N, C-alpha and C. Protein backbone atom coordinates (compact mmCIF):
# COMPACT_ATOMS: atom_id res chain seq x y z
N MET A 1 113.45 78.59 89.32
CA MET A 1 112.78 77.76 90.30
C MET A 1 112.26 76.54 89.59
N ASN A 2 112.75 75.33 89.96
CA ASN A 2 112.33 74.14 89.25
C ASN A 2 111.05 73.58 89.84
N GLY A 3 110.55 72.50 89.23
CA GLY A 3 109.25 71.96 89.61
C GLY A 3 109.19 71.40 91.01
N SER A 4 110.33 71.07 91.61
CA SER A 4 110.35 70.50 92.95
C SER A 4 110.46 71.55 94.03
N GLN A 5 110.60 72.82 93.65
CA GLN A 5 110.77 73.90 94.63
C GLN A 5 109.52 74.77 94.65
N ARG A 6 109.15 75.20 95.84
CA ARG A 6 107.94 75.99 95.99
C ARG A 6 108.22 77.24 96.80
N LEU A 7 107.47 78.27 96.50
CA LEU A 7 107.55 79.50 97.25
C LEU A 7 106.80 79.31 98.55
N GLN A 8 107.47 79.52 99.69
CA GLN A 8 106.86 79.35 100.99
C GLN A 8 106.62 80.71 101.61
N LEU A 9 105.42 80.90 102.13
CA LEU A 9 105.06 82.18 102.71
C LEU A 9 104.64 82.00 104.16
N SER A 10 105.25 82.80 105.06
CA SER A 10 104.87 82.76 106.46
C SER A 10 103.66 83.64 106.72
N TYR A 11 103.29 84.46 105.76
CA TYR A 11 102.13 85.35 105.86
C TYR A 11 100.87 84.61 105.39
N PRO A 12 99.67 85.20 105.62
CA PRO A 12 98.46 84.68 104.99
C PRO A 12 98.60 84.77 103.47
N PRO A 13 97.68 84.15 102.70
CA PRO A 13 97.75 84.22 101.23
C PRO A 13 97.91 85.65 100.75
N LEU A 14 98.80 85.86 99.76
CA LEU A 14 99.18 87.18 99.33
C LEU A 14 98.71 87.47 97.91
N ASN A 15 98.40 88.73 97.64
CA ASN A 15 98.26 89.23 96.28
C ASN A 15 99.59 89.89 95.93
N ALA A 16 100.39 89.19 95.13
CA ALA A 16 101.73 89.65 94.80
C ALA A 16 101.77 90.22 93.39
N THR A 17 102.69 91.16 93.15
CA THR A 17 102.78 91.79 91.83
C THR A 17 104.20 92.30 91.59
N MET A 18 104.50 92.64 90.39
CA MET A 18 105.72 93.31 89.94
C MET A 18 107.01 92.77 90.56
N PRO A 19 107.34 91.49 90.37
CA PRO A 19 108.61 90.96 90.90
C PRO A 19 109.80 91.53 90.15
N ARG A 20 110.90 91.73 90.89
CA ARG A 20 112.11 92.29 90.27
C ARG A 20 113.34 91.56 90.79
N TRP A 21 114.22 91.21 89.83
CA TRP A 21 115.44 90.47 90.14
C TRP A 21 116.52 91.39 90.69
N SER A 22 117.32 90.86 91.62
CA SER A 22 118.51 91.57 92.06
C SER A 22 119.56 91.49 90.96
N ALA A 23 120.57 92.36 91.04
CA ALA A 23 121.57 92.43 89.97
C ALA A 23 122.31 91.12 89.77
N ASP A 24 122.54 90.37 90.86
CA ASP A 24 123.28 89.11 90.73
C ASP A 24 122.38 87.91 90.42
N GLY A 25 121.06 88.16 90.28
CA GLY A 25 120.13 87.09 89.92
C GLY A 25 119.84 86.10 91.03
N LYS A 26 120.19 86.44 92.28
CA LYS A 26 120.00 85.50 93.39
C LYS A 26 118.73 85.73 94.19
N LEU A 27 118.19 86.95 94.12
CA LEU A 27 117.02 87.30 94.91
C LEU A 27 115.95 87.95 94.05
N ILE A 28 114.71 87.86 94.50
CA ILE A 28 113.58 88.52 93.85
C ILE A 28 112.83 89.31 94.90
N ALA A 29 112.60 90.58 94.64
CA ALA A 29 111.81 91.43 95.53
C ALA A 29 110.46 91.70 94.86
N PHE A 30 109.41 91.70 95.66
CA PHE A 30 108.08 91.97 95.10
C PHE A 30 107.17 92.56 96.18
N PRO A 31 106.30 93.51 95.80
CA PRO A 31 105.31 94.02 96.74
C PRO A 31 104.12 93.08 96.79
N ALA A 32 103.54 92.93 97.96
CA ALA A 32 102.38 92.05 98.12
C ALA A 32 101.57 92.48 99.32
N ALA A 33 100.32 92.08 99.35
CA ALA A 33 99.45 92.40 100.47
C ALA A 33 98.49 91.25 100.70
N SER A 34 98.08 91.08 101.92
CA SER A 34 97.04 90.13 102.27
C SER A 34 95.91 90.88 102.97
N LEU A 35 94.78 90.23 103.12
CA LEU A 35 93.60 90.88 103.69
C LEU A 35 93.90 91.42 105.08
N GLY A 36 93.64 92.71 105.26
CA GLY A 36 93.86 93.33 106.55
C GLY A 36 95.27 93.80 106.81
N HIS A 37 96.18 93.63 105.83
CA HIS A 37 97.57 94.05 105.99
C HIS A 37 97.91 95.10 104.94
N PRO A 38 98.77 96.05 105.27
CA PRO A 38 99.23 97.01 104.25
C PRO A 38 100.17 96.33 103.27
N VAL A 39 100.44 97.00 102.16
CA VAL A 39 101.37 96.48 101.17
C VAL A 39 102.77 96.44 101.78
N ASN A 40 103.47 95.33 101.58
CA ASN A 40 104.82 95.17 102.09
C ASN A 40 105.70 94.63 100.98
N ILE A 41 106.98 94.86 101.08
CA ILE A 41 107.92 94.31 100.11
C ILE A 41 108.52 93.03 100.67
N PHE A 42 108.42 91.97 99.88
CA PHE A 42 108.94 90.67 100.27
C PHE A 42 110.16 90.34 99.40
N VAL A 43 111.04 89.54 99.95
CA VAL A 43 112.21 89.07 99.22
C VAL A 43 112.27 87.56 99.33
N VAL A 44 112.54 86.90 98.21
CA VAL A 44 112.64 85.44 98.18
C VAL A 44 113.85 85.05 97.35
N SER A 45 114.48 83.95 97.70
CA SER A 45 115.60 83.44 96.93
C SER A 45 115.12 82.96 95.56
N ALA A 46 115.95 83.16 94.55
CA ALA A 46 115.61 82.66 93.21
C ALA A 46 115.55 81.15 93.18
N ASP A 47 116.13 80.48 94.18
CA ASP A 47 116.10 79.02 94.27
C ASP A 47 114.86 78.51 95.00
N GLY A 48 114.01 79.42 95.46
CA GLY A 48 112.82 79.03 96.19
C GLY A 48 113.02 79.18 97.69
N GLY A 49 111.97 78.94 98.45
CA GLY A 49 112.05 79.06 99.90
C GLY A 49 111.03 80.03 100.43
N GLU A 50 111.26 80.51 101.65
CA GLU A 50 110.30 81.38 102.31
C GLU A 50 110.47 82.82 101.86
N ALA A 51 109.38 83.46 101.50
CA ALA A 51 109.38 84.88 101.18
C ALA A 51 109.20 85.67 102.46
N LYS A 52 110.14 86.56 102.74
CA LYS A 52 110.13 87.28 104.00
C LYS A 52 109.86 88.77 103.77
N PRO A 53 109.00 89.38 104.61
CA PRO A 53 108.77 90.83 104.51
C PRO A 53 109.99 91.59 104.97
N MET A 54 110.28 92.71 104.33
CA MET A 54 111.47 93.48 104.65
C MET A 54 111.25 94.48 105.77
N PHE A 55 109.99 94.88 106.02
CA PHE A 55 109.75 95.99 106.92
C PHE A 55 108.60 95.69 107.87
N PRO A 56 108.49 96.46 108.95
CA PRO A 56 107.34 96.32 109.86
C PRO A 56 106.05 96.64 109.11
N GLU A 57 104.96 96.08 109.59
CA GLU A 57 103.67 96.30 108.93
C GLU A 57 103.11 97.70 109.17
N THR A 58 103.73 98.47 110.05
CA THR A 58 103.20 99.79 110.36
C THR A 58 103.45 100.80 109.25
N ILE A 59 104.29 100.44 108.26
CA ILE A 59 104.49 101.33 107.12
C ILE A 59 103.97 100.65 105.87
N ASN A 60 103.57 101.45 104.91
CA ASN A 60 102.97 100.95 103.69
C ASN A 60 103.92 101.24 102.54
N GLN A 61 104.54 100.21 101.98
CA GLN A 61 105.53 100.42 100.93
C GLN A 61 105.21 99.59 99.69
N ASP A 62 105.73 100.03 98.55
CA ASP A 62 105.34 99.42 97.29
C ASP A 62 106.46 99.63 96.27
N ASP A 63 106.46 98.81 95.22
CA ASP A 63 107.26 99.06 94.02
C ASP A 63 108.76 99.14 94.31
N GLY A 64 109.30 98.10 94.97
CA GLY A 64 110.72 98.07 95.29
C GLY A 64 111.60 97.88 94.06
N ASN A 65 112.71 98.59 94.00
CA ASN A 65 113.66 98.50 92.90
C ASN A 65 115.07 98.39 93.44
N TRP A 66 115.84 97.42 92.90
CA TRP A 66 117.21 97.20 93.31
C TRP A 66 118.14 98.26 92.70
N SER A 67 119.16 98.62 93.45
CA SER A 67 120.23 99.42 92.87
C SER A 67 121.04 98.53 91.93
N PRO A 68 121.68 99.09 90.90
CA PRO A 68 122.45 98.27 89.96
C PRO A 68 123.55 97.45 90.63
N ASP A 69 124.10 97.95 91.75
CA ASP A 69 125.15 97.19 92.43
C ASP A 69 124.59 96.21 93.46
N GLY A 70 123.27 96.18 93.61
CA GLY A 70 122.63 95.21 94.49
C GLY A 70 122.74 95.50 95.97
N THR A 71 123.24 96.67 96.37
CA THR A 71 123.45 96.96 97.79
C THR A 71 122.26 97.67 98.44
N SER A 72 121.33 98.20 97.62
CA SER A 72 120.22 98.99 98.16
C SER A 72 118.93 98.69 97.42
N LEU A 73 117.83 99.02 98.08
CA LEU A 73 116.51 99.02 97.47
C LEU A 73 115.91 100.41 97.65
N VAL A 74 115.24 100.89 96.62
CA VAL A 74 114.38 102.06 96.78
C VAL A 74 112.94 101.60 96.62
N PHE A 75 112.03 102.29 97.30
CA PHE A 75 110.63 101.90 97.22
C PHE A 75 109.75 103.10 97.53
N SER A 76 108.49 102.96 97.14
CA SER A 76 107.51 104.02 97.41
C SER A 76 106.94 103.82 98.81
N HIS A 77 106.99 104.87 99.60
CA HIS A 77 106.36 104.85 100.92
C HIS A 77 105.08 105.65 100.85
N GLU A 78 104.00 105.08 101.37
CA GLU A 78 102.70 105.72 101.27
C GLU A 78 102.09 105.84 102.66
N GLY A 79 101.46 106.97 102.94
CA GLY A 79 100.71 107.10 104.17
C GLY A 79 99.52 106.17 104.15
N ILE A 80 99.25 105.50 105.24
CA ILE A 80 98.17 104.52 105.30
C ILE A 80 96.83 105.22 105.51
N ASN A 81 95.98 105.13 104.49
CA ASN A 81 94.60 105.64 104.56
C ASN A 81 94.54 107.13 104.90
N THR A 82 95.53 107.89 104.49
CA THR A 82 95.49 109.33 104.75
C THR A 82 94.80 110.09 103.63
N GLY A 83 94.88 109.56 102.40
CA GLY A 83 94.30 110.26 101.26
C GLY A 83 95.06 111.50 100.85
N ASN A 84 96.23 111.70 101.41
CA ASN A 84 97.04 112.89 101.13
C ASN A 84 98.22 112.51 100.25
N LEU A 85 98.27 113.03 99.02
CA LEU A 85 99.34 112.68 98.09
C LEU A 85 100.70 113.16 98.60
N ALA A 86 100.71 114.19 99.44
CA ALA A 86 101.97 114.68 99.98
C ALA A 86 102.61 113.69 100.93
N ASP A 87 101.85 112.68 101.39
CA ASP A 87 102.40 111.67 102.29
C ASP A 87 103.24 110.63 101.55
N PHE A 88 103.21 110.66 100.22
CA PHE A 88 104.06 109.76 99.44
C PHE A 88 105.50 110.24 99.52
N SER A 89 106.43 109.30 99.51
CA SER A 89 107.85 109.64 99.42
C SER A 89 108.60 108.41 98.94
N ILE A 90 109.87 108.60 98.62
CA ILE A 90 110.72 107.48 98.19
C ILE A 90 111.75 107.21 99.28
N GLN A 91 111.81 105.97 99.69
CA GLN A 91 112.75 105.55 100.72
C GLN A 91 113.85 104.69 100.11
N GLN A 92 115.03 104.75 100.72
CA GLN A 92 116.15 103.91 100.31
C GLN A 92 116.65 103.16 101.52
N ILE A 93 116.84 101.85 101.36
CA ILE A 93 117.34 101.03 102.45
C ILE A 93 118.65 100.37 102.03
N ASN A 94 119.66 100.48 102.89
CA ASN A 94 120.93 99.81 102.67
C ASN A 94 120.77 98.37 103.15
N LEU A 95 120.95 97.41 102.26
CA LEU A 95 120.68 96.02 102.58
C LEU A 95 121.73 95.40 103.50
N LYS A 96 122.86 96.06 103.65
CA LYS A 96 123.90 95.56 104.57
C LYS A 96 123.71 96.12 105.98
N THR A 97 123.44 97.41 106.07
CA THR A 97 123.31 98.04 107.39
C THR A 97 121.86 98.14 107.85
N HIS A 98 120.90 97.95 106.91
CA HIS A 98 119.46 98.10 107.17
C HIS A 98 119.08 99.52 107.56
N GLU A 99 119.94 100.47 107.23
CA GLU A 99 119.60 101.87 107.45
C GLU A 99 118.65 102.35 106.36
N MET A 100 117.57 103.03 106.75
CA MET A 100 116.57 103.51 105.80
C MET A 100 116.50 105.02 105.87
N VAL A 101 116.56 105.67 104.72
CA VAL A 101 116.50 107.12 104.65
C VAL A 101 115.50 107.54 103.58
N THR A 102 114.96 108.75 103.74
CA THR A 102 114.09 109.34 102.72
C THR A 102 114.95 109.98 101.65
N VAL A 103 114.69 109.66 100.39
CA VAL A 103 115.44 110.28 99.29
C VAL A 103 115.12 111.77 99.27
N ARG A 104 116.15 112.56 99.22
CA ARG A 104 116.01 114.01 99.28
C ARG A 104 115.08 114.54 98.20
N GLY A 105 114.12 115.37 98.61
CA GLY A 105 113.22 116.02 97.66
C GLY A 105 112.17 115.11 97.05
N SER A 106 111.92 113.94 97.65
CA SER A 106 111.01 112.97 97.02
C SER A 106 109.60 113.00 97.59
N GLN A 107 109.28 113.97 98.43
CA GLN A 107 107.92 114.06 98.96
C GLN A 107 106.93 114.23 97.81
N GLY A 108 105.83 113.50 97.89
CA GLY A 108 104.81 113.56 96.84
C GLY A 108 105.17 112.78 95.60
N MET A 109 106.18 111.88 95.69
CA MET A 109 106.62 111.11 94.54
C MET A 109 106.48 109.61 94.81
N PHE A 110 106.40 108.82 93.73
CA PHE A 110 106.36 107.36 93.86
C PHE A 110 106.94 106.74 92.59
N ALA A 111 106.92 105.41 92.51
CA ALA A 111 107.42 104.65 91.35
C ALA A 111 108.89 104.95 91.05
N PRO A 112 109.79 104.76 92.01
CA PRO A 112 111.21 105.04 91.75
C PRO A 112 111.83 104.01 90.82
N ARG A 113 112.74 104.49 89.95
CA ARG A 113 113.46 103.60 89.03
C ARG A 113 114.92 104.06 88.95
N TRP A 114 115.85 103.15 89.25
CA TRP A 114 117.26 103.45 89.11
C TRP A 114 117.68 103.33 87.66
N SER A 115 118.51 104.25 87.19
CA SER A 115 119.06 104.13 85.84
C SER A 115 120.04 102.96 85.81
N PRO A 116 120.26 102.36 84.65
CA PRO A 116 121.16 101.19 84.56
C PRO A 116 122.58 101.46 85.07
N ASP A 117 123.06 102.71 84.93
CA ASP A 117 124.42 103.02 85.40
C ASP A 117 124.44 103.46 86.86
N GLY A 118 123.26 103.58 87.48
CA GLY A 118 123.18 103.96 88.88
C GLY A 118 123.38 105.43 89.15
N HIS A 119 123.43 106.26 88.12
CA HIS A 119 123.70 107.69 88.29
C HIS A 119 122.44 108.52 88.52
N TYR A 120 121.29 107.97 88.15
CA TYR A 120 120.04 108.73 88.23
C TYR A 120 118.95 107.90 88.89
N LEU A 121 117.96 108.61 89.39
CA LEU A 121 116.76 108.00 89.94
C LEU A 121 115.56 108.75 89.37
N SER A 122 114.68 108.05 88.70
CA SER A 122 113.47 108.68 88.17
C SER A 122 112.28 108.32 89.07
N SER A 123 111.25 109.15 89.01
CA SER A 123 110.03 108.86 89.77
C SER A 123 108.86 109.62 89.15
N LEU A 124 107.66 109.24 89.56
CA LEU A 124 106.44 109.91 89.11
C LEU A 124 105.83 110.67 90.28
N SER A 125 105.13 111.74 89.95
CA SER A 125 104.38 112.43 90.99
C SER A 125 103.21 111.56 91.43
N ALA A 126 102.79 111.71 92.69
CA ALA A 126 101.73 110.88 93.22
C ALA A 126 100.41 111.08 92.49
N ASP A 127 100.22 112.25 91.86
CA ASP A 127 99.01 112.46 91.06
C ASP A 127 99.18 111.95 89.63
N GLN A 128 100.37 111.44 89.32
CA GLN A 128 100.70 110.81 88.03
C GLN A 128 100.65 111.78 86.85
N HIS A 129 100.89 113.06 87.13
CA HIS A 129 100.86 114.06 86.06
C HIS A 129 102.25 114.38 85.50
N TYR A 130 103.32 114.09 86.26
CA TYR A 130 104.63 114.42 85.73
C TYR A 130 105.69 113.43 86.22
N MET A 131 106.80 113.38 85.48
CA MET A 131 107.94 112.54 85.79
C MET A 131 109.14 113.43 86.09
N ARG A 132 109.90 113.06 87.14
CA ARG A 132 111.08 113.81 87.51
C ARG A 132 112.28 112.87 87.55
N ILE A 133 113.48 113.45 87.54
CA ILE A 133 114.70 112.67 87.56
C ILE A 133 115.69 113.32 88.52
N LEU A 134 116.33 112.49 89.33
CA LEU A 134 117.29 112.97 90.33
C LEU A 134 118.70 112.57 89.90
N ALA A 135 119.58 113.56 89.75
CA ALA A 135 121.00 113.29 89.51
C ALA A 135 121.63 113.01 90.87
N LEU A 136 122.04 111.77 91.11
CA LEU A 136 122.51 111.39 92.43
C LEU A 136 123.83 112.07 92.80
N SER A 137 124.63 112.44 91.80
CA SER A 137 125.91 113.08 92.08
C SER A 137 125.74 114.49 92.65
N THR A 138 124.68 115.18 92.21
CA THR A 138 124.45 116.56 92.66
C THR A 138 123.25 116.68 93.59
N GLN A 139 122.44 115.59 93.69
CA GLN A 139 121.22 115.60 94.49
C GLN A 139 120.23 116.66 94.01
N GLN A 140 120.24 116.92 92.68
CA GLN A 140 119.33 117.90 92.09
C GLN A 140 118.26 117.20 91.26
N TRP A 141 117.00 117.57 91.50
CA TRP A 141 115.89 117.06 90.72
C TRP A 141 115.62 117.96 89.52
N SER A 142 115.11 117.38 88.44
CA SER A 142 114.65 118.17 87.30
C SER A 142 113.41 117.51 86.72
N ASP A 143 112.51 118.32 86.15
CA ASP A 143 111.31 117.79 85.51
C ASP A 143 111.68 117.17 84.17
N LEU A 144 111.12 115.99 83.89
CA LEU A 144 111.46 115.28 82.67
C LEU A 144 110.34 115.33 81.63
N THR A 145 109.10 115.09 82.07
CA THR A 145 107.98 115.15 81.13
C THR A 145 106.68 115.21 81.92
N THR A 146 105.58 115.48 81.23
CA THR A 146 104.25 115.55 81.86
C THR A 146 103.28 114.69 81.07
N GLY A 147 102.10 114.47 81.64
CA GLY A 147 101.07 113.69 80.96
C GLY A 147 99.78 113.70 81.74
N HIS A 148 98.83 112.88 81.29
CA HIS A 148 97.51 112.82 81.93
C HIS A 148 97.49 111.81 83.08
N LEU A 149 98.04 110.62 82.85
CA LEU A 149 98.05 109.57 83.87
C LEU A 149 99.26 108.67 83.60
N LEU A 150 100.42 109.11 84.04
CA LEU A 150 101.66 108.40 83.77
C LEU A 150 101.77 107.16 84.66
N GLU A 151 102.28 106.05 84.08
CA GLU A 151 102.44 104.84 84.87
C GLU A 151 103.44 103.89 84.21
N TYR A 152 103.92 102.92 85.01
CA TYR A 152 104.83 101.85 84.59
C TYR A 152 106.06 102.36 83.82
N PRO A 153 106.87 103.20 84.46
CA PRO A 153 108.11 103.65 83.80
C PRO A 153 109.14 102.53 83.73
N SER A 154 109.93 102.51 82.67
CA SER A 154 111.01 101.52 82.49
C SER A 154 112.18 102.19 81.77
N TRP A 155 113.37 102.09 82.34
CA TRP A 155 114.57 102.60 81.68
C TRP A 155 114.99 101.68 80.54
N SER A 156 115.44 102.26 79.42
CA SER A 156 116.06 101.45 78.37
C SER A 156 117.40 100.95 78.88
N ARG A 157 117.88 99.86 78.33
CA ARG A 157 119.11 99.25 78.83
C ARG A 157 120.33 100.15 78.65
N ASP A 158 120.28 101.04 77.65
CA ASP A 158 121.41 101.95 77.45
C ASP A 158 121.29 103.23 78.28
N GLY A 159 120.19 103.37 79.02
CA GLY A 159 120.02 104.51 79.90
C GLY A 159 119.68 105.81 79.20
N LYS A 160 119.36 105.75 77.91
CA LYS A 160 119.08 106.98 77.16
C LYS A 160 117.61 107.40 77.23
N TYR A 161 116.72 106.45 77.48
CA TYR A 161 115.28 106.73 77.46
C TYR A 161 114.60 106.12 78.68
N ILE A 162 113.45 106.72 79.03
CA ILE A 162 112.54 106.11 79.97
C ILE A 162 111.21 105.91 79.25
N TYR A 163 110.75 104.69 79.20
CA TYR A 163 109.47 104.35 78.58
C TYR A 163 108.38 104.40 79.65
N PHE A 164 107.18 104.78 79.25
CA PHE A 164 106.08 104.88 80.20
C PHE A 164 104.75 104.88 79.46
N GLN A 165 103.68 104.59 80.17
CA GLN A 165 102.34 104.66 79.61
C GLN A 165 101.66 105.96 80.01
N ASP A 166 100.75 106.39 79.16
CA ASP A 166 99.92 107.55 79.47
C ASP A 166 98.53 107.31 78.90
N THR A 167 97.53 107.71 79.65
CA THR A 167 96.14 107.60 79.18
C THR A 167 95.72 108.94 78.61
N THR A 168 95.45 108.96 77.32
CA THR A 168 95.09 110.20 76.63
C THR A 168 93.67 110.09 76.08
N GLU A 169 93.25 111.12 75.36
CA GLU A 169 91.93 111.09 74.73
C GLU A 169 91.84 109.98 73.69
N ASN A 170 92.98 109.46 73.23
CA ASN A 170 92.99 108.36 72.26
C ASN A 170 93.15 106.99 72.92
N GLY A 171 93.09 106.97 74.24
CA GLY A 171 93.23 105.71 74.95
C GLY A 171 94.62 105.55 75.54
N LEU A 172 94.97 104.33 75.87
CA LEU A 172 96.25 104.03 76.50
C LEU A 172 97.35 103.96 75.45
N GLU A 173 98.46 104.69 75.68
CA GLU A 173 99.56 104.74 74.72
C GLU A 173 100.90 104.60 75.43
N LEU A 174 101.87 104.06 74.71
CA LEU A 174 103.22 103.93 75.23
C LEU A 174 104.10 105.02 74.64
N TYR A 175 104.83 105.72 75.52
CA TYR A 175 105.73 106.78 75.10
C TYR A 175 107.14 106.48 75.61
N ARG A 176 108.08 107.28 75.12
CA ARG A 176 109.40 107.30 75.72
C ARG A 176 109.88 108.74 75.74
N VAL A 177 110.72 109.05 76.71
CA VAL A 177 111.27 110.39 76.83
C VAL A 177 112.79 110.29 76.90
N SER A 178 113.46 111.16 76.18
CA SER A 178 114.92 111.19 76.17
C SER A 178 115.44 111.85 77.44
N VAL A 179 116.37 111.19 78.12
CA VAL A 179 116.96 111.77 79.32
C VAL A 179 117.82 112.98 78.97
N ALA A 180 118.44 112.97 77.80
CA ALA A 180 119.35 114.04 77.40
C ALA A 180 118.63 115.35 77.09
N ASP A 181 117.59 115.29 76.25
CA ASP A 181 116.94 116.55 75.82
C ASP A 181 115.46 116.62 76.20
N HIS A 182 114.94 115.63 76.93
CA HIS A 182 113.57 115.60 77.43
C HIS A 182 112.53 115.53 76.31
N LYS A 183 112.94 115.10 75.13
CA LYS A 183 111.99 114.96 74.02
C LYS A 183 111.11 113.74 74.24
N LYS A 184 109.80 113.95 74.11
CA LYS A 184 108.81 112.90 74.32
C LYS A 184 108.25 112.43 72.98
N GLU A 185 108.17 111.12 72.78
CA GLU A 185 107.62 110.60 71.52
C GLU A 185 106.79 109.36 71.77
N GLN A 186 105.73 109.22 70.96
CA GLN A 186 104.88 108.04 71.07
C GLN A 186 105.57 106.83 70.45
N VAL A 187 105.42 105.68 71.11
CA VAL A 187 105.99 104.44 70.61
C VAL A 187 104.91 103.57 69.98
N VAL A 188 103.80 103.36 70.68
CA VAL A 188 102.72 102.52 70.16
C VAL A 188 101.44 102.86 70.92
N SER A 189 100.29 102.66 70.25
CA SER A 189 98.99 102.84 70.88
C SER A 189 98.42 101.46 71.25
N PHE A 190 97.84 101.37 72.44
CA PHE A 190 97.20 100.12 72.88
C PHE A 190 95.69 100.18 72.72
N LYS A 191 95.20 101.14 71.97
CA LYS A 191 93.76 101.40 71.89
C LYS A 191 92.97 100.18 71.49
N ASP A 192 93.43 99.42 70.51
CA ASP A 192 92.65 98.29 69.99
C ASP A 192 93.17 96.94 70.50
N ILE A 193 93.98 96.96 71.56
CA ILE A 193 94.49 95.72 72.13
C ILE A 193 93.71 95.41 73.40
N ARG A 194 93.10 94.23 73.46
CA ARG A 194 92.30 93.85 74.62
C ARG A 194 93.23 93.40 75.75
N ARG A 195 93.09 94.03 76.91
CA ARG A 195 93.94 93.71 78.05
C ARG A 195 93.16 92.85 79.04
N PRO A 196 93.84 92.08 79.87
CA PRO A 196 93.16 91.20 80.82
C PRO A 196 92.53 91.99 81.96
N SER A 197 91.63 91.35 82.69
CA SER A 197 91.00 91.95 83.85
C SER A 197 91.54 91.24 85.09
N LEU A 198 92.36 91.95 85.86
CA LEU A 198 93.01 91.37 87.02
C LEU A 198 92.78 92.26 88.24
N PHE A 199 93.09 91.72 89.42
CA PHE A 199 92.97 92.49 90.66
C PHE A 199 93.87 93.71 90.61
N PHE A 200 95.07 93.54 90.03
CA PHE A 200 96.03 94.64 89.92
C PHE A 200 96.98 94.34 88.78
N GLY A 201 97.38 95.38 88.04
CA GLY A 201 98.40 95.20 87.02
C GLY A 201 97.92 94.80 85.65
N SER A 202 96.62 94.94 85.40
CA SER A 202 96.10 94.54 84.08
C SER A 202 96.78 95.27 82.93
N PHE A 203 97.14 96.53 83.17
CA PHE A 203 97.69 97.36 82.10
C PHE A 203 99.20 97.54 82.22
N TRP A 204 99.85 96.59 82.91
CA TRP A 204 101.30 96.63 83.04
C TRP A 204 101.98 96.58 81.68
N SER A 205 103.12 97.26 81.58
CA SER A 205 103.97 97.14 80.41
C SER A 205 105.42 97.22 80.87
N GLY A 206 106.31 96.64 80.09
CA GLY A 206 107.73 96.66 80.40
C GLY A 206 108.54 96.56 79.12
N LEU A 207 109.82 96.26 79.26
CA LEU A 207 110.70 96.15 78.10
C LEU A 207 111.40 94.80 78.11
N ALA A 208 111.50 94.18 76.94
CA ALA A 208 112.28 92.96 76.78
C ALA A 208 113.76 93.31 76.74
N LEU A 209 114.62 92.29 76.74
CA LEU A 209 116.06 92.54 76.74
C LEU A 209 116.52 93.29 75.50
N ASP A 210 115.80 93.12 74.38
CA ASP A 210 116.17 93.84 73.16
C ASP A 210 115.52 95.21 73.05
N GLY A 211 114.80 95.63 74.10
CA GLY A 211 114.18 96.95 74.12
C GLY A 211 112.78 97.02 73.56
N SER A 212 112.24 95.91 73.09
CA SER A 212 110.88 95.92 72.54
C SER A 212 109.86 95.89 73.68
N PRO A 213 108.71 96.55 73.50
CA PRO A 213 107.71 96.61 74.56
C PRO A 213 107.12 95.23 74.86
N VAL A 214 106.79 95.01 76.12
CA VAL A 214 106.15 93.78 76.57
C VAL A 214 104.89 94.18 77.34
N ILE A 215 103.76 93.56 77.00
CA ILE A 215 102.50 93.84 77.69
C ILE A 215 101.78 92.54 77.98
N MET A 216 100.72 92.62 78.79
CA MET A 216 99.81 91.51 78.98
C MET A 216 98.59 91.73 78.09
N ARG A 217 98.22 90.68 77.37
CA ARG A 217 97.11 90.77 76.43
C ARG A 217 96.10 89.67 76.73
N ASP A 218 94.82 90.00 76.65
CA ASP A 218 93.76 89.03 76.85
C ASP A 218 93.50 88.30 75.53
N THR A 219 93.85 87.02 75.47
CA THR A 219 93.63 86.23 74.26
C THR A 219 92.56 85.16 74.48
N GLY A 220 91.81 85.30 75.57
CA GLY A 220 90.77 84.32 75.89
C GLY A 220 89.58 84.42 74.94
N THR A 221 88.67 83.53 75.09
CA THR A 221 87.46 83.49 74.26
C THR A 221 86.24 83.72 75.14
N ARG A 222 85.24 84.31 74.55
CA ARG A 222 83.97 84.53 75.25
C ARG A 222 82.85 83.99 74.38
N ALA A 223 81.84 83.45 75.03
CA ALA A 223 80.72 82.88 74.28
C ALA A 223 79.42 83.16 75.04
N ILE A 224 78.31 83.21 74.30
CA ILE A 224 76.99 83.40 74.88
C ILE A 224 76.19 82.12 74.66
N TYR A 225 75.59 81.62 75.71
CA TYR A 225 74.83 80.38 75.64
C TYR A 225 73.37 80.65 75.93
N ALA A 226 72.50 79.86 75.29
CA ALA A 226 71.08 79.90 75.58
C ALA A 226 70.70 78.57 76.22
N LEU A 227 69.95 78.64 77.33
CA LEU A 227 69.53 77.43 78.03
C LEU A 227 68.02 77.22 77.84
N GLU A 228 67.67 75.99 77.54
CA GLU A 228 66.24 75.65 77.42
C GLU A 228 65.83 74.91 78.68
N MET A 229 64.89 75.50 79.41
CA MET A 229 64.45 74.89 80.66
C MET A 229 63.27 73.95 80.42
N GLN A 230 63.33 72.79 81.00
CA GLN A 230 62.23 71.82 80.93
C GLN A 230 61.73 71.58 82.35
N TRP A 231 60.61 72.22 82.67
CA TRP A 231 60.05 72.12 84.01
C TRP A 231 59.25 70.83 84.18
N PRO A 232 59.27 70.20 85.35
CA PRO A 232 58.48 68.97 85.58
C PRO A 232 56.98 69.26 85.53
């Protein structure tokens, strides 16, 4: 998007997060919400223009992910203000037919991620205690790993590992788990890294093209001032 192009929104001002490119690099999908509206997934052209919501406002969806072939999106569906983790599920929408279906066995799950080869779908439990993986060829789920507070999963480009964060007694740490043998190993600790304070996504992490971890870090400065008052 060059300097002469702007993102146009038909909605009220949005709090947008976690943008994701389509496989052909032409579209960007991102979840966003405005005051009084549930979270919705918007899509905008990479060349700029109007960002349009994909679904009616009566459903609450988040964390959209493109299929590797660009024909579908999966996303987390959440019950609105129910407080019931069982109301979470993963939905898949065909972008050509606009048919939407619930992914089999995904009740109580969120944060879907397609594997790079399109053969698997990973997700986290709504309580963030475990990660599961769905073999799309057999439609069978299997448990992949567990933790205290799992978040921000990312597949490695070769499809061999899923990277994720977990909050442990030692603070926030980055792990990866092998898809082949389910072996879990620590990658790096974020304990002494100062993170920014944002409305959402302060502790986001991802992977660069070479597989190295990417995070947001607070590099700002803070100062304390003393004021001398001179009263009339």
